[in-house]
Amino acid sequence: MAAPGSSTLDAVAADTARSVLRDTAFLRLWAGSTASGLATWAMPFVIGLAVLHDTITPAALGLVLGVRTVGFLAAVPIGGVLADRLSRRAVVRWSGLAAALASPVLAAGLGRSVALMAVAAAVVGAGQGACRPAFQALTAEVVDPGRRQEANAAMTLAVRVTTLAGPALTAVLAAFLNVPVLLLGTGALWLAAALLPPPGSPAPAARGAGHRPGFVAEFTEGVREARRHPWFLGGLAALAAVITTGYSATGVLLPMISRDRYGTEAVLAAAVTAYAAGALLGALLIARLRPRSRGWAALAALACYGFAPLSLWAPVPALLVVAAYAVAGVGIELFNVPWFTATQREVEPRLLARVSSLDFMVSYGLAPVGLALIAPAADAFGAGPVLAVCTVACFLVPAAAALVPTARHFSRSAPA
């Protein structure tokens, strides 16, 4: 199993932080991961432009995006098993190529065949899902333990920059290029994601010969490894609670409250921008921060998401809503980066992709469930009670997770 973290390791990380962005192998990995993230974000936005141009209907958009999500969730566990069984780079390459080849098919079906678009979107979603745990495991292969926190911060920093700059860039490109060409551009991004990442270490499972168990048995082995780490289960429960309640409630109710309480959509735009900017700041901070009780610090940061539904629940000035979203953005990255780093450090290397797939299945899988349930709950009980429950859940569940054994340091062994 990977050696547990220690204060000495943290000192090494601080000493080597300056060199991680000068590592060619990491830069290739970072560029590939960034390309996949940009393609993932761009696809629904670009297809949304087709609705504005009356090329497809809103119902068709919903179907295509829903099928993409199904493909993503179905492929995440498969990608986790394959990435542990085979080369992590090979899984990234083939999943990226699948998404790249499906993107022109998606463009060809635009305005002609919703069924063809749905099939292509499912393949794109499968490529997205299969590559996520492989990228996570490949990071641990390419980057040495002392620099992984900086590497993970650089990864998430790219995501946040894309979130902030992506809409403006796409709007500019849309003034000169039509939607099919923009979809072909997402295919080019997936091609870059497939070809750029460097080779990592040989796949741990490939070193031994003999009979290999079936898919279910291998995935179950990953579940057993996750259960060996109480901090992982507690943190995953806290993340699930925040996503299902806080993230979903603010996503559904913020537009309505912006319109009805404040009389303008500007609050919605400002709050979403503040969240992305806060996350960007959080990624910059966590690249250098080394809290002694890193698990407790990360869970406390995750609980800060509760300020977002709290600001919508209470009739506060609009500026406080924006500030609450900025705090939530900072907190989510102060949790994410130590969480990814701890998983890479603590989980047995040959099982890392499978354990990471559990993380992605929960974090991505529960978001649509929460979004689907919040609106009916608000209609039945009112927005106020729903926001109150979400606020309490965001604050209390991470606090409860902090009481789990090994949660203080996100490690089965306390730092020396």
Protein backbone atom coordinates (compact mmCIF):
# COMPACT_ATOMS: atom_id res chain seq x y z
CA MET A 1 0.00 0.00 0.00
CA ALA A 2 1.14 3.57 -0.56
CA ALA A 3 3.08 4.95 2.34
CA PRO A 4 1.01 7.19 4.61
CA GLY A 5 1.69 10.90 4.66
CA SER A 6 3.83 12.53 7.27
CA SER A 7 5.10 15.94 8.28
CA THR A 8 8.39 15.06 6.57
CA LEU A 9 6.51 14.35 3.34
CA ASP A 10 4.78 17.69 3.67
CA ALA A 11 8.16 19.42 3.98
CA VAL A 12 9.37 17.65 0.84
CA ALA A 13 6.20 18.74 -0.96
CA ALA A 14 6.83 22.36 -0.03
CA ASP A 15 10.44 22.12 -1.24
CA THR A 16 9.52 20.55 -4.58
CA ALA A 17 6.41 22.60 -5.34
CA ARG A 18 8.30 24.98 -7.60
CA SER A 19 9.30 22.27 -10.04
CA VAL A 20 6.02 20.46 -10.72
CA LEU A 21 5.04 22.81 -13.56
CA ARG A 22 8.46 22.36 -15.15
CA ASP A 23 8.01 18.59 -15.37
CA THR A 24 7.36 17.73 -19.03
CA ALA A 25 5.49 14.52 -18.21
CA PHE A 26 3.16 16.34 -15.83
CA LEU A 27 2.59 19.16 -18.30
CA ARG A 28 1.52 16.61 -20.92
CA LEU A 29 -0.83 15.01 -18.41
CA TRP A 30 -2.16 18.41 -17.36
CA ALA A 31 -2.76 19.45 -20.96
CA GLY A 32 -4.61 16.21 -21.74
CA SER A 33 -6.76 16.45 -18.62
CA THR A 34 -7.51 20.10 -19.36
CA ALA A 35 -8.54 19.25 -22.93
CA SER A 36 -10.90 16.54 -21.66
CA GLY A 37 -12.40 18.93 -19.10
CA LEU A 38 -12.93 21.63 -21.69
CA ALA A 39 -14.57 19.17 -24.08
CA THR A 40 -16.79 17.86 -21.29
CA TRP A 41 -17.93 21.37 -20.37
CA ALA A 42 -18.33 22.59 -23.96
CA MET A 43 -20.59 19.88 -25.33
CA PRO A 44 -23.83 20.76 -23.45
CA PHE A 45 -23.18 24.48 -23.94
CA VAL A 46 -22.69 24.08 -27.68
CA ILE A 47 -25.76 21.88 -28.11
CA GLY A 48 -27.68 24.46 -26.09
CA LEU A 49 -26.79 26.97 -28.81
CA ALA A 50 -28.54 24.67 -31.27
CA VAL A 51 -31.75 25.12 -29.26
CA LEU A 52 -31.37 28.89 -29.48
CA HIS A 53 -30.96 28.55 -33.25
CA ASP A 54 -34.09 26.34 -33.43
CA THR A 55 -32.03 23.47 -34.84
CA ILE A 56 -33.25 21.06 -32.15
CA THR A 57 -35.97 21.26 -29.51
CA PRO A 58 -35.44 21.62 -25.76
CA ALA A 59 -36.82 18.09 -25.36
CA ALA A 60 -34.17 16.77 -27.74
CA LEU A 61 -31.49 18.63 -25.78
CA GLY A 62 -32.71 17.06 -22.54
CA LEU A 63 -32.69 13.59 -24.10
CA VAL A 64 -29.18 13.96 -25.53
CA LEU A 65 -27.72 15.28 -22.28
CA GLY A 66 -29.55 12.65 -20.24
CA VAL A 67 -28.20 9.84 -22.41
CA ARG A 68 -24.71 11.32 -22.11
CA THR A 69 -25.01 11.19 -18.31
CA VAL A 70 -26.15 7.57 -18.45
CA GLY A 71 -23.17 6.70 -20.64
CA PHE A 72 -20.87 8.48 -18.23
CA LEU A 73 -22.15 6.69 -15.13
CA ALA A 74 -22.13 3.30 -16.84
CA ALA A 75 -18.53 3.73 -17.99
CA VAL A 76 -17.02 5.03 -14.73
CA PRO A 77 -16.81 1.62 -12.97
CA ILE A 78 -15.75 -0.09 -16.20
CA GLY A 79 -13.01 2.48 -16.69
CA GLY A 80 -11.89 2.01 -13.10
CA VAL A 81 -11.49 -1.75 -13.50
CA LEU A 82 -9.79 -1.48 -16.89
CA ALA A 83 -7.40 1.21 -15.67
CA ASP A 84 -6.29 -1.08 -12.83
CA ARG A 85 -6.17 -4.13 -15.07
CA LEU A 86 -4.41 -2.53 -18.07
CA SER A 87 -2.31 0.56 -18.66
CA ARG A 88 -3.87 3.77 -17.27
CA ARG A 89 -2.56 5.65 -20.30
CA ALA A 90 -4.18 3.12 -22.65
CA VAL A 91 -7.58 3.61 -20.98
CA VAL A 92 -7.24 7.39 -21.31
CA ARG A 93 -6.24 6.98 -24.96
CA TRP A 94 -9.05 4.66 -26.01
CA SER A 95 -11.75 6.49 -24.07
CA GLY A 96 -10.57 9.81 -25.53
CA LEU A 97 -10.53 8.37 -29.04
CA ALA A 98 -14.05 7.00 -28.58
CA ALA A 99 -15.32 10.45 -27.58
CA ALA A 100 -13.36 12.07 -30.41
CA LEU A 101 -14.85 9.74 -33.05
CA ALA A 102 -18.37 10.13 -31.68
CA SER A 103 -18.25 13.94 -31.80
CA PRO A 104 -18.50 14.21 -35.64
CA VAL A 105 -21.39 11.72 -35.52
CA LEU A 106 -23.10 13.97 -33.00
CA ALA A 107 -22.57 16.92 -35.35
CA ALA A 108 -23.92 14.92 -38.30
CA GLY A 109 -27.12 14.09 -36.43
CA LEU A 110 -27.78 17.69 -35.42
CA GLY A 111 -31.14 18.73 -36.84
CA ARG A 112 -31.46 15.43 -38.72
CA SER A 113 -31.76 12.54 -36.28
CA VAL A 114 -32.24 12.80 -32.54
CA ALA A 115 -31.66 9.05 -32.27
CA LEU A 116 -28.24 9.36 -33.93
CA MET A 117 -27.38 12.25 -31.64
CA ALA A 118 -28.40 10.23 -28.59
CA VAL A 119 -26.24 7.26 -29.58
CA ALA A 120 -23.25 9.53 -30.23
CA ALA A 121 -23.83 11.38 -26.95
CA ALA A 122 -23.87 8.06 -25.07
CA VAL A 123 -20.47 7.18 -26.56
CA VAL A 124 -19.09 10.61 -25.70
CA GLY A 125 -20.40 10.23 -22.16
CA ALA A 126 -18.84 6.78 -21.90
CA GLY A 127 -15.49 8.21 -22.99
CA GLN A 128 -15.79 10.93 -20.38
CA GLY A 129 -16.64 8.45 -17.65
CA ALA A 130 -13.96 5.90 -18.49
CA CYS A 131 -11.14 8.45 -18.54
CA ARG A 132 -11.85 10.10 -15.16
CA PRO A 133 -10.55 7.34 -12.83
CA ALA A 134 -7.74 6.61 -15.29
CA PHE A 135 -6.57 10.24 -15.18
CA GLN A 136 -6.69 10.13 -11.38
CA ALA A 137 -4.55 7.00 -11.22
CA LEU A 138 -2.20 8.22 -13.95
CA THR A 139 -1.49 11.35 -11.91
CA ALA A 140 -0.21 9.15 -9.08
CA GLU A 141 2.05 7.34 -11.56
CA VAL A 142 3.48 10.44 -13.22
CA VAL A 143 3.91 12.70 -10.16
CA ASP A 144 5.96 11.73 -7.11
CA PRO A 145 4.19 11.81 -3.71
CA GLY A 146 5.78 15.06 -2.54
CA ARG A 147 4.31 17.05 -5.44
CA ARG A 148 0.88 15.52 -5.85
CA GLN A 149 -1.00 18.19 -3.94
CA GLU A 150 0.47 20.88 -6.21
CA ALA A 151 -0.28 18.71 -9.23
CA ASN A 152 -3.90 18.19 -8.19
CA ALA A 153 -4.24 21.90 -7.51
CA ALA A 154 -2.93 22.65 -11.00
CA MET A 155 -5.44 20.18 -12.45
CA THR A 156 -8.41 21.77 -10.70
CA LEU A 157 -7.09 25.26 -11.43
CA ALA A 158 -7.38 24.50 -15.14
CA VAL A 159 -10.98 23.39 -14.64
CA ARG A 160 -11.88 26.63 -12.88
CA VAL A 161 -10.19 28.84 -15.46
CA THR A 162 -12.12 26.97 -18.15
CA THR A 163 -15.37 27.55 -16.25
CA LEU A 164 -14.72 31.27 -16.05
CA ALA A 165 -13.33 31.85 -19.56
CA GLY A 166 -15.16 29.12 -21.46
CA PRO A 167 -18.56 30.80 -21.93
CA ALA A 168 -17.02 34.00 -23.28
CA LEU A 169 -14.69 32.08 -25.60
CA THR A 170 -17.53 29.92 -26.91
CA ALA A 171 -19.74 32.96 -27.47
CA VAL A 172 -16.98 34.60 -29.49
CA LEU A 173 -16.39 31.46 -31.55
CA ALA A 174 -20.14 31.06 -32.11
CA ALA A 175 -20.19 34.45 -33.84
CA PHE A 176 -17.92 33.02 -36.55
CA LEU A 177 -18.54 29.26 -36.51
CA ASN A 178 -21.76 27.24 -36.65
CA VAL A 179 -22.75 24.63 -34.09
CA PRO A 180 -21.59 21.55 -36.07
CA VAL A 181 -18.12 23.05 -36.44
CA LEU A 182 -18.02 23.79 -32.71
CA LEU A 183 -18.92 20.16 -32.02
CA LEU A 184 -16.09 19.08 -34.29
CA GLY A 185 -13.90 21.29 -32.12
CA THR A 186 -14.88 19.28 -29.05
CA GLY A 187 -13.83 16.18 -30.98
CA ALA A 188 -10.41 17.78 -31.55
CA LEU A 189 -10.15 18.43 -27.82
CA TRP A 190 -10.90 14.77 -27.12
CA LEU A 191 -8.24 13.77 -29.62
CA ALA A 192 -5.74 15.93 -27.72
CA ALA A 193 -6.89 14.36 -24.44
CA ALA A 194 -6.24 10.92 -25.93
CA LEU A 195 -2.80 11.60 -27.37
CA LEU A 196 -1.13 14.07 -25.00
CA PRO A 197 -0.81 12.18 -21.66
CA PRO A 198 2.55 10.48 -21.09
CA PRO A 199 3.07 6.83 -20.19
CA GLY A 200 3.00 6.04 -16.50
CA SER A 201 4.27 3.08 -14.54
CA PRO A 202 3.34 -0.43 -15.69
CA ALA A 203 -0.18 -1.33 -14.57
CA PRO A 204 0.21 -3.02 -11.14
CA ALA A 205 -2.25 -5.77 -12.02
CA ALA A 206 -0.29 -6.55 -15.18
CA ARG A 207 2.84 -7.54 -13.27
CA GLY A 208 1.44 -10.81 -12.02
CA ALA A 209 0.49 -13.77 -14.16
CA GLY A 210 -2.24 -16.28 -13.62
CA HIS A 211 -6.01 -16.39 -13.68
CA ARG A 212 -7.73 -13.00 -13.55
CA PRO A 213 -11.10 -12.69 -11.78
CA GLY A 214 -14.14 -11.34 -13.58
CA PHE A 215 -15.23 -7.71 -13.77
CA VAL A 216 -17.62 -7.87 -10.80
CA ALA A 217 -15.00 -9.53 -8.61
CA GLU A 218 -12.40 -6.93 -9.54
CA PHE A 219 -14.76 -4.04 -8.88
CA THR A 220 -15.77 -5.62 -5.56
CA GLU A 221 -12.09 -5.76 -4.64
CA GLY A 222 -11.99 -2.00 -5.12
CA VAL A 223 -15.01 -1.59 -2.86
CA ARG A 224 -13.28 -3.67 -0.18
CA GLU A 225 -10.20 -1.47 -0.47
CA ALA A 226 -12.38 1.63 -0.01
CA ARG A 227 -13.90 0.09 3.12
CA ARG A 228 -10.42 -0.30 4.59
CA HIS A 229 -10.21 3.49 4.81
CA PRO A 230 -12.87 4.89 7.18
CA TRP A 231 -11.85 8.46 6.30
CA PHE A 232 -12.69 7.75 2.65
CA LEU A 233 -16.16 6.45 3.44
CA GLY A 234 -16.88 9.35 5.79
CA GLY A 235 -15.61 11.94 3.33
CA LEU A 236 -17.57 10.36 0.50
CA ALA A 237 -20.75 10.47 2.59
CA ALA A 238 -20.13 14.15 3.35
CA LEU A 239 -19.49 14.93 -0.31
CA ALA A 240 -22.65 13.05 -1.31
CA ALA A 241 -24.72 15.03 1.20
CA VAL A 242 -23.38 18.39 0.02
CA ILE A 243 -23.91 17.55 -3.65
CA THR A 244 -27.39 16.08 -3.22
CA THR A 245 -28.66 18.90 -1.00
CA GLY A 246 -26.64 22.10 -1.17
CA TYR A 247 -25.39 21.95 -4.75
CA SER A 248 -28.74 20.78 -6.11
CA ALA A 249 -30.82 23.23 -4.09
CA THR A 250 -28.80 26.25 -5.09
CA GLY A 251 -28.72 25.12 -8.73
CA VAL A 252 -32.50 24.84 -8.88
CA LEU A 253 -33.63 27.62 -6.52
CA LEU A 254 -31.02 30.33 -7.11
CA PRO A 255 -32.51 31.43 -10.48
CA MET A 256 -35.99 31.68 -8.96
CA ILE A 257 -34.82 33.61 -5.87
CA SER A 258 -32.67 35.92 -7.99
CA ARG A 259 -35.75 36.80 -10.03
CA ASP A 260 -38.43 36.89 -7.34
CA ARG A 261 -36.56 38.29 -4.32
CA TYR A 262 -34.08 40.61 -5.97
CA GLY A 263 -35.93 41.38 -9.22
CA THR A 264 -32.97 40.74 -11.49
CA GLU A 265 -31.01 37.90 -13.02
CA ALA A 266 -27.82 39.81 -12.20
CA VAL A 267 -27.69 38.15 -8.77
CA LEU A 268 -27.73 34.73 -10.44
CA ALA A 269 -24.88 35.68 -12.78
CA ALA A 270 -22.85 37.31 -10.01
CA ALA A 271 -23.27 34.38 -7.63
CA VAL A 272 -22.25 31.78 -10.23
CA THR A 273 -19.23 33.88 -11.21
CA ALA A 274 -18.30 34.37 -7.55
CA TYR A 275 -18.44 30.61 -6.98
CA ALA A 276 -16.07 29.95 -9.88
CA ALA A 277 -13.75 32.75 -8.79
CA GLY A 278 -13.78 31.45 -5.22
CA ALA A 279 -12.91 27.96 -6.43
CA LEU A 280 -10.06 29.44 -8.47
CA LEU A 281 -8.75 31.18 -5.34
CA GLY A 282 -9.15 27.97 -3.34
CA ALA A 283 -7.07 26.03 -5.85
CA LEU A 284 -4.32 28.66 -5.64
CA LEU A 285 -4.34 28.57 -1.85
CA ILE A 286 -4.32 24.80 -1.44
CA ALA A 287 -1.31 24.46 -3.73
CA ARG A 288 0.74 25.81 -0.80
CA LEU A 289 -1.32 25.24 2.36
CA ARG A 290 -0.35 22.28 4.56
CA PRO A 291 -2.75 22.09 7.53
CA ARG A 292 -1.49 19.72 10.20
CA SER A 293 -4.96 18.17 10.56
CA ARG A 294 -5.56 18.08 6.81
CA GLY A 295 -8.66 15.89 6.95
CA TRP A 296 -10.45 18.06 9.48
CA ALA A 297 -9.46 21.18 7.56
CA ALA A 298 -10.77 19.71 4.30
CA LEU A 299 -14.09 18.67 5.85
CA ALA A 300 -14.50 22.09 7.47
CA ALA A 301 -13.92 23.66 4.07
CA LEU A 302 -16.52 21.35 2.50
CA ALA A 303 -19.04 22.41 5.15
CA CYS A 304 -18.60 26.00 3.97
CA TYR A 305 -20.85 25.10 1.04
CA GLY A 306 -23.68 25.43 3.55
CA PHE A 307 -23.35 29.21 3.38
CA ALA A 308 -24.77 29.11 -0.17
CA PRO A 309 -28.22 27.66 0.71
CA LEU A 310 -28.14 29.64 3.97
CA SER A 311 -27.83 32.90 2.03
CA LEU A 312 -30.84 31.93 -0.10
CA TRP A 313 -32.88 30.85 2.90
CA ALA A 314 -32.40 34.13 4.81
CA PRO A 315 -33.57 37.45 3.28
CA VAL A 316 -30.09 38.99 3.13
CA PRO A 317 -28.73 41.70 0.80
CA ALA A 318 -27.71 40.46 -2.63
CA LEU A 319 -24.06 41.20 -1.87
CA LEU A 320 -24.10 38.62 0.93
CA VAL A 321 -25.47 36.00 -1.47
CA VAL A 322 -22.57 36.65 -3.82
CA ALA A 323 -20.10 36.51 -0.91
CA ALA A 324 -21.60 33.23 0.32
CA TYR A 325 -21.10 31.66 -3.08
CA ALA A 326 -17.51 32.86 -3.17
CA VAL A 327 -16.89 31.23 0.23
CA ALA A 328 -18.53 28.02 -1.02
CA GLY A 329 -16.23 28.03 -4.06
CA VAL A 330 -13.12 28.46 -1.93
CA GLY A 331 -14.27 25.69 0.38
CA ILE A 332 -14.99 23.14 -2.33
CA GLU A 333 -11.42 23.31 -3.66
CA LEU A 334 -9.89 23.33 -0.18
CA PHE A 335 -11.66 19.97 0.13
CA ASN A 336 -11.19 18.55 -3.37
CA VAL A 337 -7.42 18.82 -3.68
CA PRO A 338 -6.51 17.23 -0.30
CA TRP A 339 -9.18 14.60 -0.97
CA PHE A 340 -7.70 13.58 -4.32
CA THR A 341 -4.18 13.70 -2.89
CA ALA A 342 -5.10 11.53 0.09
CA THR A 343 -6.74 8.96 -2.16
CA GLN A 344 -3.61 8.77 -4.32
CA ARG A 345 -1.42 8.48 -1.22
CA GLU A 346 -3.38 6.02 0.90
CA VAL A 347 -5.06 3.61 -1.50
CA GLU A 348 -3.14 0.57 -2.70
CA PRO A 349 -1.75 1.57 -6.12
CA ARG A 350 -3.13 -1.41 -8.02
CA LEU A 351 -6.65 -0.54 -6.79
CA LEU A 352 -6.49 3.24 -7.11
CA ALA A 353 -8.57 3.60 -10.29
CA ARG A 354 -11.34 1.41 -8.90
CA VAL A 355 -11.54 3.37 -5.65
CA SER A 356 -11.46 6.64 -7.61
CA SER A 357 -14.33 5.37 -9.75
CA LEU A 358 -16.45 5.06 -6.60
CA ASP A 359 -15.75 8.71 -5.87
CA PHE A 360 -16.79 9.83 -9.36
CA MET A 361 -19.87 7.58 -9.36
CA VAL A 362 -21.13 9.24 -6.18
CA SER A 363 -20.15 12.82 -6.97
CA TYR A 364 -21.45 12.77 -10.56
CA GLY A 365 -24.25 10.26 -10.04
CA LEU A 366 -26.06 11.98 -7.20
CA ALA A 367 -26.09 15.44 -8.77
CA PRO A 368 -28.91 14.60 -11.26
CA VAL A 369 -30.87 12.87 -8.47
CA GLY A 370 -30.71 15.94 -6.27
CA LEU A 371 -31.60 18.25 -9.13
CA ALA A 372 -34.63 16.11 -9.95
CA LEU A 373 -35.89 16.01 -6.36
CA ILE A 374 -35.37 19.60 -5.22
CA ALA A 375 -38.02 21.22 -7.45
CA PRO A 376 -40.86 18.82 -6.40
CA ALA A 377 -39.81 19.20 -2.76
CA ALA A 378 -39.91 22.99 -3.05
CA ASP A 379 -43.36 22.81 -4.66
CA ALA A 380 -44.64 20.53 -1.89
CA PHE A 381 -43.08 22.16 1.19
CA GLY A 382 -41.88 25.56 0.01
CA ALA A 383 -38.42 26.82 -0.82
CA GLY A 384 -37.70 27.94 2.75
CA PRO A 385 -37.96 24.53 4.45
CA VAL A 386 -36.04 22.85 1.63
CA LEU A 387 -33.20 25.37 1.92
CA ALA A 388 -33.22 24.98 5.71
CA VAL A 389 -32.79 21.21 5.44
CA CYS A 390 -30.06 21.62 2.84
CA THR A 391 -28.21 24.14 5.00
CA VAL A 392 -28.28 21.87 8.04
CA ALA A 393 -27.14 18.87 5.97
CA CYS A 394 -24.20 20.81 4.49
CA PHE A 395 -23.00 21.86 7.93
CA LEU A 396 -23.71 18.74 9.97
CA VAL A 397 -22.78 15.82 7.69
CA PRO A 398 -19.16 16.98 7.16
CA ALA A 399 -18.96 17.61 10.92
CA ALA A 400 -20.14 14.05 11.53
CA ALA A 401 -17.61 12.76 8.98
CA ALA A 402 -14.86 14.49 10.97
CA LEU A 403 -15.68 12.17 13.89
CA VAL A 404 -14.92 9.06 11.82
CA PRO A 405 -11.69 7.32 12.86
CA THR A 406 -8.73 8.34 10.65
CA ALA A 407 -10.63 11.40 9.33
CA ARG A 408 -8.38 13.92 11.08
CA HIS A 409 -5.46 13.33 8.73
CA PHE A 410 -7.20 11.50 5.84
CA SER A 411 -4.85 8.66 6.66
CA ARG A 412 -4.93 5.32 8.48
CA SER A 413 -1.64 6.33 10.12
CA ALA A 414 -1.29 9.68 11.87
CA PRO A 415 1.59 11.88 10.74
CA ALA A 416 4.74 11.60 12.78
